[in-house]
Amino acid sequence: MTIAQSNITPELEIYICGACRPKNANPDNPERPGKDLAEQLQEAINTEHLNERFHVKIMQCMSVCSRPATVSLVAPGKFTFTVGDLDPKTATQDIITFAKLYASSEDGIPAWKDRPVSFQKGVVARTPSFGASHQRITELD
């Protein structure tokens, strides 16, 4: 299955690392959990008719090799969330749940208590968008 592309501007993009190997895998192991996760996620997004809102993209490498599978949710004017240690066999619905919360939040920071457990425990980083101005960001004098 290929990841669907659309000419419609999405609310957010979900990037999934396609290069990571499973933890402790032999360097010659061809398994790529992120690629499998991306395909499962795209199928679920299509099934739930969310494909115009959420676009899934595979990134060649996200440099979070110690925490496969890793995803980043990105939207204009919102903080970017990068989350690792997702289980490709079970993470699809967690990603969709978080994506809905993320999309409906003003700044891309859903309430911690509302996030799926994997998105409470697996956060690698939360970074501001380019040119962001937010109460959580302090300018240097």
Protein backbone atom coordinates (compact mmCIF):
# COMPACT_ATOMS: atom_id res chain seq x y z
CA MET A 1 0.00 0.00 0.00
CA THR A 2 1.28 3.48 -0.74
CA ILE A 3 0.64 6.48 1.43
CA ALA A 4 -2.12 8.54 -0.19
CA GLN A 5 -1.40 12.08 -1.29
CA SER A 6 -3.98 14.78 -1.83
CA ASN A 7 -4.13 18.27 -3.26
CA ILE A 8 -6.23 19.34 -0.27
CA THR A 9 -4.40 21.22 2.47
CA PRO A 10 -4.66 19.07 5.61
CA GLU A 11 -5.16 20.26 9.17
CA LEU A 12 -2.01 18.42 10.11
CA GLU A 13 0.66 16.12 8.79
CA ILE A 14 1.84 12.98 10.54
CA TYR A 15 5.44 12.07 9.79
CA ILE A 16 6.59 8.56 10.61
CA CYS A 17 10.20 7.44 10.60
CA GLY A 18 10.63 4.80 7.93
CA ALA A 19 14.25 3.92 8.71
CA CYS A 20 14.19 2.66 12.31
CA ARG A 21 14.75 -0.98 13.04
CA PRO A 22 13.19 -2.72 16.03
CA LYS A 23 15.11 -2.25 19.28
CA ASN A 24 18.14 -4.55 19.60
CA ALA A 25 17.75 -5.70 16.00
CA ASN A 26 20.64 -6.92 13.93
CA PRO A 27 21.83 -4.13 11.57
CA ASP A 28 20.97 -6.41 8.64
CA ASN A 29 17.35 -6.81 9.79
CA PRO A 30 15.14 -5.59 6.94
CA GLU A 31 12.13 -4.98 9.25
CA ARG A 32 11.05 -1.35 9.47
CA PRO A 33 8.27 -0.90 12.09
CA GLY A 34 7.62 2.71 11.08
CA LYS A 35 6.83 1.76 7.51
CA ASP A 36 4.34 -0.85 8.71
CA LEU A 37 2.82 1.67 11.13
CA ALA A 38 2.47 4.30 8.39
CA GLU A 39 0.62 1.87 6.13
CA GLN A 40 -1.72 0.76 8.94
CA LEU A 41 -2.33 4.37 9.96
CA GLN A 42 -3.14 5.44 6.41
CA GLU A 43 -5.60 2.58 6.08
CA ALA A 44 -7.32 3.55 9.36
CA ILE A 45 -7.43 7.22 8.36
CA ASN A 46 -9.06 6.26 5.06
CA THR A 47 -11.54 3.98 6.84
CA GLU A 48 -12.51 6.77 9.26
CA HIS A 49 -12.75 9.27 6.38
CA LEU A 50 -10.06 11.48 7.88
CA ASN A 51 -7.82 11.49 4.81
CA GLU A 52 -8.64 15.11 3.93
CA ARG A 53 -7.79 16.26 7.48
CA PHE A 54 -4.70 14.18 8.28
CA HIS A 55 -1.90 13.38 5.82
CA VAL A 56 0.55 10.59 6.59
CA LYS A 57 4.09 10.82 5.27
CA ILE A 58 7.09 8.57 5.73
CA MET A 59 10.31 10.39 6.55
CA GLN A 60 13.54 8.72 5.53
CA CYS A 61 15.06 9.11 9.02
CA MET A 62 14.06 11.14 12.07
CA SER A 63 17.31 10.47 14.01
CA VAL A 64 15.45 8.95 16.96
CA CYS A 65 16.85 5.48 16.31
CA SER A 66 16.74 4.39 19.95
CA ARG A 67 12.95 4.96 20.14
CA PRO A 68 11.22 3.23 17.21
CA ALA A 69 8.60 3.70 15.99
CA THR A 70 8.63 7.48 16.05
CA VAL A 71 6.01 9.94 14.77
CA SER A 72 5.77 13.73 14.57
CA LEU A 73 2.55 15.69 14.27
CA VAL A 74 2.96 19.04 12.56
CA ALA A 75 0.45 21.84 11.85
CA PRO A 76 0.80 25.52 10.98
CA GLY A 77 1.02 27.73 14.06
CA LYS A 78 1.06 24.80 16.47
CA PHE A 79 3.74 23.11 18.50
CA THR A 80 5.16 20.01 16.83
CA PHE A 81 4.92 16.81 18.87
CA THR A 82 7.45 14.01 18.37
CA VAL A 83 6.61 10.74 20.09
CA GLY A 84 8.66 7.54 20.15
CA ASP A 85 8.46 3.98 21.40
CA LEU A 86 5.16 3.36 19.62
CA ASP A 87 4.18 -0.25 19.01
CA PRO A 88 3.28 -0.57 15.32
CA LYS A 89 0.84 -3.35 16.17
CA THR A 90 -1.22 -1.21 18.56
CA ALA A 91 -0.42 2.49 18.03
CA THR A 92 -2.73 3.30 15.12
CA GLN A 93 -5.77 4.28 17.17
CA ASP A 94 -3.63 6.15 19.70
CA ILE A 95 -2.19 8.27 16.88
CA ILE A 96 -5.65 9.02 15.48
CA THR A 97 -6.97 9.91 18.94
CA PHE A 98 -4.04 12.23 19.58
CA ALA A 99 -4.30 13.74 16.08
CA LYS A 100 -7.93 14.68 16.73
CA LEU A 101 -7.01 16.27 20.08
CA TYR A 102 -4.03 18.03 18.52
CA ALA A 103 -6.07 19.38 15.59
CA SER A 104 -8.80 20.73 17.88
CA SER A 105 -6.38 22.40 20.31
CA GLU A 106 -5.51 26.05 19.84
CA ASP A 107 -1.74 25.62 20.11
CA GLY A 108 -1.20 21.92 19.44
CA ILE A 109 -0.85 21.02 23.11
CA PRO A 110 -3.76 18.82 24.18
CA ALA A 111 -4.36 18.35 27.89
CA TRP A 112 -2.00 15.68 29.21
CA LYS A 113 -4.82 13.77 30.93
CA ASP A 114 -6.73 13.44 27.63
CA ARG A 115 -3.83 11.94 25.68
CA PRO A 116 -3.50 8.20 25.08
CA VAL A 117 -0.97 6.64 27.46
CA SER A 118 1.56 6.14 24.67
CA PHE A 119 1.42 9.91 24.04
CA GLN A 120 1.84 10.66 27.74
CA LYS A 121 4.91 8.45 28.14
CA GLY A 122 6.58 8.55 24.73
CA VAL A 123 7.10 12.26 24.10
CA VAL A 124 10.55 12.89 22.65
CA ALA A 125 10.06 16.62 22.05
CA ARG A 126 7.51 19.41 21.78
CA THR A 127 8.86 22.23 19.62
CA PRO A 128 7.34 25.53 18.51
CA SER A 129 6.50 26.33 14.93
CA PHE A 130 8.63 28.84 13.02
CA GLY A 131 8.08 32.39 14.20
CA ALA A 132 5.89 31.23 17.08
CA SER A 133 4.76 33.63 19.73
CA HIS A 134 3.19 31.94 22.71
CA GLN A 135 2.95 32.33 26.46
CA ARG A 136 5.16 29.26 26.80
CA ILE A 137 7.97 31.00 24.86
CA THR A 138 10.13 33.79 26.31
CA GLU A 139 12.02 36.26 24.12
CA LEU A 140 15.62 37.08 25.08
CA ASP A 141 16.46 40.75 25.53
